[in-house]
Amino acid sequence: MALEGRLELLASVPLMIEYEAVLTRAEHITVVGLDIAEVNAILDAVAQVCTPVSLRFLWRPRLKDPGDEMVLETAVNGGADWLITFDVRHLAQVARDFGIRVMRPPEAWKEVQRNAKK
């Protein structure tokens, strides 16, 4: 949906670097059955459609996991309505403090589908 312009993705430089670092790990490459060049092509496509977010304000530390901080900072600085993550437990309360709704990908997908039918 983001590639079609029907959903806005926000990304900061640190977040994109983290995506690349995680998605090109050997164990992830093996599981998805792609090579690093293919994963990088997907990341390039995602980067092309993302709205870039400058991190003007930092609120660290707000979370127990320092790796989650860049996710929160990108969402807050980008004015996100939603933060879609599998790590709801760690991000939900703090994101709500900034008026951001946190949900897992399946829940977000259902919501997007419901909104598309309206």
N, C-alpha and C. Protein backbone atom coordinates (compact mmCIF):
# COMPACT_ATOMS: atom_id res chain seq x y z
N MET A 1 0.82 -1.19 0.00
CA MET A 1 0.00 0.00 0.00
C MET A 1 0.87 1.25 0.00
N ALA A 2 1.99 1.20 0.71
CA ALA A 2 2.89 2.35 0.72
C ALA A 2 3.49 2.56 -0.66
N LEU A 3 3.83 1.48 -1.34
CA LEU A 3 4.40 1.60 -2.68
C LEU A 3 3.40 2.19 -3.67
N GLU A 4 2.11 2.01 -3.38
CA GLU A 4 1.05 2.57 -4.22
C GLU A 4 0.62 3.96 -3.76
N GLY A 5 1.22 4.46 -2.69
CA GLY A 5 0.87 5.78 -2.18
C GLY A 5 -0.41 5.82 -1.39
N ARG A 6 -0.92 4.66 -0.96
CA ARG A 6 -2.17 4.62 -0.21
C ARG A 6 -1.95 4.62 1.30
N LEU A 7 -0.68 4.57 1.72
CA LEU A 7 -0.33 4.55 3.13
C LEU A 7 0.99 5.28 3.27
N GLU A 8 1.07 6.21 4.20
CA GLU A 8 2.29 6.97 4.40
C GLU A 8 3.18 6.29 5.43
N LEU A 9 4.43 6.06 5.04
CA LEU A 9 5.43 5.52 5.94
C LEU A 9 6.38 6.64 6.34
N LEU A 10 6.77 6.66 7.59
CA LEU A 10 7.73 7.63 8.08
C LEU A 10 9.05 6.91 8.35
N ALA A 11 10.16 7.57 8.04
CA ALA A 11 11.46 6.96 8.33
C ALA A 11 12.49 8.04 8.60
N SER A 12 13.32 7.75 9.58
CA SER A 12 14.48 8.60 9.86
C SER A 12 15.72 7.84 9.39
N VAL A 13 16.82 8.55 9.27
CA VAL A 13 18.07 7.90 8.87
C VAL A 13 18.43 6.77 9.84
N PRO A 14 18.42 7.01 11.16
CA PRO A 14 18.77 5.90 12.06
C PRO A 14 17.84 4.69 11.93
N LEU A 15 16.58 4.93 11.67
CA LEU A 15 15.62 3.83 11.55
C LEU A 15 15.90 3.03 10.28
N MET A 16 16.18 3.69 9.17
CA MET A 16 16.49 2.97 7.93
C MET A 16 17.79 2.17 8.07
N ILE A 17 18.76 2.73 8.75
CA ILE A 17 20.01 2.00 8.99
C ILE A 17 19.75 0.75 9.83
N GLU A 18 18.88 0.89 10.82
CA GLU A 18 18.52 -0.27 11.66
C GLU A 18 17.78 -1.32 10.84
N TYR A 19 16.84 -0.90 9.98
CA TYR A 19 16.14 -1.85 9.11
C TYR A 19 17.15 -2.63 8.27
N GLU A 20 18.10 -1.92 7.68
CA GLU A 20 19.10 -2.58 6.84
C GLU A 20 19.94 -3.57 7.66
N ALA A 21 20.37 -3.14 8.83
CA ALA A 21 21.20 -4.01 9.67
C ALA A 21 20.46 -5.28 10.06
N VAL A 22 19.20 -5.15 10.41
CA VAL A 22 18.42 -6.31 10.86
C VAL A 22 18.04 -7.20 9.68
N LEU A 23 17.56 -6.60 8.61
CA LEU A 23 17.04 -7.40 7.49
C LEU A 23 18.13 -8.09 6.68
N THR A 24 19.37 -7.65 6.80
CA THR A 24 20.45 -8.30 6.06
C THR A 24 21.24 -9.28 6.92
N ARG A 25 20.77 -9.56 8.12
CA ARG A 25 21.42 -10.58 8.95
C ARG A 25 21.23 -11.94 8.28
N ALA A 26 22.23 -12.77 8.42
CA ALA A 26 22.22 -14.08 7.75
C ALA A 26 20.96 -14.89 8.08
N GLU A 27 20.55 -14.87 9.35
CA GLU A 27 19.37 -15.68 9.72
C GLU A 27 18.09 -15.16 9.05
N HIS A 28 17.99 -13.86 8.83
CA HIS A 28 16.81 -13.33 8.17
C HIS A 28 16.85 -13.58 6.67
N ILE A 29 18.04 -13.46 6.09
CA ILE A 29 18.20 -13.75 4.66
C ILE A 29 17.80 -15.20 4.38
N THR A 30 18.23 -16.11 5.24
CA THR A 30 17.91 -17.53 5.08
C THR A 30 16.41 -17.77 5.16
N VAL A 31 15.76 -17.17 6.14
CA VAL A 31 14.33 -17.39 6.35
C VAL A 31 13.49 -16.87 5.18
N VAL A 32 13.81 -15.67 4.68
CA VAL A 32 12.98 -15.09 3.61
C VAL A 32 13.35 -15.62 2.23
N GLY A 33 14.51 -16.26 2.10
CA GLY A 33 14.89 -16.84 0.83
C GLY A 33 15.33 -15.84 -0.22
N LEU A 34 15.76 -14.68 0.22
CA LEU A 34 16.27 -13.66 -0.70
C LEU A 34 17.76 -13.49 -0.46
N ASP A 35 18.44 -12.90 -1.43
CA ASP A 35 19.84 -12.57 -1.18
C ASP A 35 19.92 -11.11 -0.73
N ILE A 36 21.10 -10.70 -0.32
CA ILE A 36 21.27 -9.34 0.22
C ILE A 36 20.91 -8.29 -0.83
N ALA A 37 21.25 -8.52 -2.07
CA ALA A 37 20.92 -7.55 -3.13
C ALA A 37 19.41 -7.38 -3.25
N GLU A 38 18.66 -8.47 -3.14
CA GLU A 38 17.20 -8.39 -3.23
C GLU A 38 16.61 -7.66 -2.03
N VAL A 39 17.13 -7.94 -0.84
CA VAL A 39 16.67 -7.24 0.36
C VAL A 39 16.97 -5.75 0.24
N ASN A 40 18.17 -5.43 -0.23
CA ASN A 40 18.51 -4.01 -0.40
C ASN A 40 17.63 -3.33 -1.45
N ALA A 41 17.23 -4.05 -2.48
CA ALA A 41 16.32 -3.48 -3.48
C ALA A 41 14.96 -3.17 -2.85
N ILE A 42 14.50 -4.05 -1.98
CA ILE A 42 13.24 -3.79 -1.27
C ILE A 42 13.39 -2.58 -0.35
N LEU A 43 14.48 -2.52 0.38
CA LEU A 43 14.72 -1.38 1.26
C LEU A 43 14.81 -0.08 0.46
N ASP A 44 15.44 -0.12 -0.71
CA ASP A 44 15.51 1.07 -1.57
C ASP A 44 14.11 1.51 -2.00
N ALA A 45 13.27 0.54 -2.35
CA ALA A 45 11.90 0.86 -2.76
C ALA A 45 11.13 1.48 -1.60
N VAL A 46 11.31 0.93 -0.41
CA VAL A 46 10.64 1.49 0.77
C VAL A 46 11.15 2.90 1.03
N ALA A 47 12.46 3.10 0.94
CA ALA A 47 13.04 4.43 1.17
C ALA A 47 12.49 5.45 0.18
N GLN A 48 12.22 5.03 -1.04
CA GLN A 48 11.69 5.94 -2.06
C GLN A 48 10.30 6.47 -1.72
N VAL A 49 9.52 5.69 -1.00
CA VAL A 49 8.15 6.11 -0.71
C VAL A 49 7.96 6.64 0.71
N CYS A 50 8.99 6.56 1.53
CA CYS A 50 8.89 7.06 2.91
C CYS A 50 8.93 8.57 2.95
N THR A 51 8.22 9.10 3.92
CA THR A 51 8.35 10.51 4.25
C THR A 51 9.53 10.63 5.20
N PRO A 52 10.56 11.40 4.79
CA PRO A 52 11.73 11.51 5.67
C PRO A 52 11.41 12.32 6.92
N VAL A 53 11.94 11.87 8.04
CA VAL A 53 11.70 12.53 9.32
C VAL A 53 13.04 12.96 9.90
N SER A 54 13.15 14.25 10.19
CA SER A 54 14.32 14.76 10.89
C SER A 54 14.07 14.66 12.38
N LEU A 55 15.06 14.21 13.10
CA LEU A 55 14.91 14.05 14.54
C LEU A 55 15.34 15.35 15.21
N ARG A 56 14.37 16.24 15.40
CA ARG A 56 14.65 17.55 15.98
C ARG A 56 14.60 17.53 17.50
N PHE A 57 13.83 16.62 18.05
CA PHE A 57 13.70 16.55 19.50
C PHE A 57 13.93 15.11 19.93
N LEU A 58 14.68 14.94 20.96
CA LEU A 58 14.94 13.62 21.51
C LEU A 58 14.39 13.55 22.93
N TRP A 59 13.78 12.46 23.26
CA TRP A 59 13.18 12.31 24.59
C TRP A 59 13.83 11.17 25.36
N ARG A 60 15.00 10.79 24.99
CA ARG A 60 15.65 9.65 25.63
C ARG A 60 16.07 9.97 27.04
N PRO A 61 16.09 9.00 27.88
CA PRO A 61 15.51 7.67 27.69
C PRO A 61 14.06 7.64 28.15
N ARG A 62 13.20 7.04 27.37
CA ARG A 62 11.80 6.86 27.71
C ARG A 62 11.43 5.39 27.78
N LEU A 63 12.25 4.54 27.16
CA LEU A 63 11.93 3.12 27.05
C LEU A 63 13.05 2.27 27.63
N LYS A 64 12.71 1.05 28.03
CA LYS A 64 13.71 0.14 28.59
C LYS A 64 14.70 -0.33 27.53
N ASP A 65 14.24 -0.52 26.32
CA ASP A 65 15.09 -0.99 25.23
C ASP A 65 15.58 0.19 24.41
N PRO A 66 16.87 0.50 24.44
CA PRO A 66 17.39 1.63 23.68
C PRO A 66 17.12 1.51 22.18
N GLY A 67 16.99 0.29 21.67
CA GLY A 67 16.69 0.11 20.26
C GLY A 67 15.31 0.61 19.87
N ASP A 68 14.40 0.66 20.84
CA ASP A 68 13.05 1.16 20.56
C ASP A 68 12.98 2.68 20.52
N GLU A 69 13.98 3.33 21.08
CA GLU A 69 13.96 4.79 21.16
C GLU A 69 13.88 5.44 19.78
N MET A 70 14.64 4.92 18.80
CA MET A 70 14.62 5.54 17.47
C MET A 70 13.26 5.37 16.79
N VAL A 71 12.57 4.29 17.12
CA VAL A 71 11.23 4.08 16.57
C VAL A 71 10.29 5.14 17.14
N LEU A 72 10.33 5.33 18.45
CA LEU A 72 9.49 6.34 19.09
C LEU A 72 9.84 7.74 18.59
N GLU A 73 11.11 8.06 18.51
CA GLU A 73 11.52 9.39 18.05
C GLU A 73 11.06 9.67 16.63
N THR A 74 11.14 8.67 15.77
CA THR A 74 10.69 8.85 14.39
C THR A 74 9.18 9.09 14.36
N ALA A 75 8.44 8.31 15.11
CA ALA A 75 6.98 8.47 15.15
C ALA A 75 6.58 9.83 15.69
N VAL A 76 7.19 10.24 16.79
CA VAL A 76 6.82 11.52 17.41
C VAL A 76 7.21 12.69 16.51
N ASN A 77 8.46 12.70 16.04
CA ASN A 77 8.92 13.80 15.19
C ASN A 77 8.21 13.85 13.85
N GLY A 78 7.74 12.69 13.38
CA GLY A 78 7.02 12.64 12.11
C GLY A 78 5.53 12.91 12.24
N GLY A 79 5.05 13.09 13.46
CA GLY A 79 3.62 13.33 13.66
C GLY A 79 2.76 12.13 13.31
N ALA A 80 3.25 10.95 13.61
CA ALA A 80 2.54 9.71 13.27
C ALA A 80 1.22 9.61 14.02
N ASP A 81 0.23 9.06 13.34
CA ASP A 81 -1.04 8.72 13.98
C ASP A 81 -0.96 7.32 14.59
N TRP A 82 -0.25 6.44 13.87
CA TRP A 82 -0.12 5.05 14.27
C TRP A 82 1.35 4.68 14.35
N LEU A 83 1.66 3.77 15.24
CA LEU A 83 2.98 3.14 15.28
C LEU A 83 2.70 1.65 15.20
N ILE A 84 3.09 1.05 14.09
CA ILE A 84 2.78 -0.36 13.85
C ILE A 84 4.02 -1.18 14.16
N THR A 85 3.88 -2.10 15.10
CA THR A 85 5.01 -2.87 15.59
C THR A 85 4.54 -4.17 16.23
N PHE A 86 5.43 -5.15 16.27
CA PHE A 86 5.14 -6.36 17.03
C PHE A 86 5.49 -6.15 18.50
N ASP A 87 6.18 -5.08 18.81
CA ASP A 87 6.65 -4.79 20.18
C ASP A 87 5.68 -3.84 20.90
N VAL A 88 4.42 -4.17 20.86
CA VAL A 88 3.39 -3.32 21.46
C VAL A 88 3.61 -3.13 22.96
N ARG A 89 4.01 -4.19 23.62
CA ARG A 89 4.16 -4.16 25.08
C ARG A 89 5.11 -3.04 25.52
N HIS A 90 6.22 -2.86 24.81
CA HIS A 90 7.20 -1.86 25.23
C HIS A 90 6.87 -0.45 24.77
N LEU A 91 6.18 -0.32 23.65
CA LEU A 91 5.98 1.00 23.06
C LEU A 91 4.61 1.63 23.33
N ALA A 92 3.63 0.84 23.65
CA ALA A 92 2.25 1.33 23.70
C ALA A 92 2.02 2.50 24.65
N GLN A 93 2.38 2.36 25.90
CA GLN A 93 2.07 3.43 26.86
C GLN A 93 2.81 4.71 26.54
N VAL A 94 4.08 4.62 26.24
CA VAL A 94 4.86 5.83 25.96
C VAL A 94 4.35 6.51 24.69
N ALA A 95 4.05 5.75 23.65
CA ALA A 95 3.52 6.33 22.42
C ALA A 95 2.18 7.01 22.68
N ARG A 96 1.34 6.39 23.50
CA ARG A 96 0.05 7.00 23.83
C ARG A 96 0.23 8.35 24.51
N ASP A 97 1.30 8.50 25.28
CA ASP A 97 1.59 9.78 25.92
C ASP A 97 1.76 10.89 24.88
N PHE A 98 2.14 10.50 23.66
CA PHE A 98 2.32 11.46 22.56
C PHE A 98 1.13 11.45 21.61
N GLY A 99 0.06 10.75 21.96
CA GLY A 99 -1.14 10.71 21.12
C GLY A 99 -1.03 9.78 19.93
N ILE A 100 -0.13 8.80 20.00
CA ILE A 100 0.08 7.86 18.90
C ILE A 100 -0.53 6.52 19.28
N ARG A 101 -1.34 5.99 18.40
CA ARG A 101 -1.95 4.68 18.61
C ARG A 101 -0.96 3.60 18.19
N VAL A 102 -0.75 2.62 19.04
CA VAL A 102 0.18 1.52 18.76
C VAL A 102 -0.62 0.26 18.50
N MET A 103 -0.26 -0.45 17.42
CA MET A 103 -0.94 -1.70 17.10
C MET A 103 -0.01 -2.64 16.36
N ARG A 104 -0.36 -3.91 16.41
CA ARG A 104 0.40 -4.93 15.70
C ARG A 104 0.02 -4.89 14.22
N PRO A 105 0.91 -5.38 13.34
CA PRO A 105 0.62 -5.36 11.90
C PRO A 105 -0.71 -5.99 11.50
N PRO A 106 -1.10 -7.15 12.04
CA PRO A 106 -2.40 -7.71 11.62
C PRO A 106 -3.58 -6.78 11.95
N GLU A 107 -3.53 -6.17 13.13
CA GLU A 107 -4.59 -5.24 13.53
C GLU A 107 -4.60 -4.02 12.60
N ALA A 108 -3.42 -3.50 12.29
CA ALA A 108 -3.33 -2.34 11.39
C ALA A 108 -3.85 -2.69 10.01
N TRP A 109 -3.49 -3.86 9.52
CA TRP A 109 -3.95 -4.28 8.19
C TRP A 109 -5.48 -4.35 8.15
N LYS A 110 -6.09 -4.91 9.19
CA LYS A 110 -7.56 -4.98 9.23
C LYS A 110 -8.17 -3.59 9.23
N GLU A 111 -7.57 -2.68 9.98
CA GLU A 111 -8.08 -1.31 10.04
C GLU A 111 -7.95 -0.62 8.69
N VAL A 112 -6.83 -0.79 8.04
CA VAL A 112 -6.64 -0.20 6.72
C VAL A 112 -7.66 -0.75 5.74
N GLN A 113 -7.91 -2.05 5.80
CA GLN A 113 -8.92 -2.66 4.91
C GLN A 113 -10.32 -2.11 5.19
N ARG A 114 -10.65 -1.95 6.46
CA ARG A 114 -11.97 -1.39 6.81
C ARG A 114 -12.10 0.03 6.28
N ASN A 115 -11.06 0.83 6.43
CA ASN A 115 -11.09 2.22 5.97
C ASN A 115 -11.15 2.31 4.46
N ALA A 116 -10.55 1.35 3.76
CA ALA A 116 -10.56 1.35 2.29
C ALA A 116 -11.96 1.08 1.75
N LYS A 117 -12.78 0.35 2.53
CA LYS A 117 -14.13 0.03 2.09
C LYS A 117 -15.11 1.18 2.27
N LYS A 118 -14.71 2.18 3.04
CA LYS A 118 -15.62 3.31 3.32
C LYS A 118 -15.69 4.25 2.15
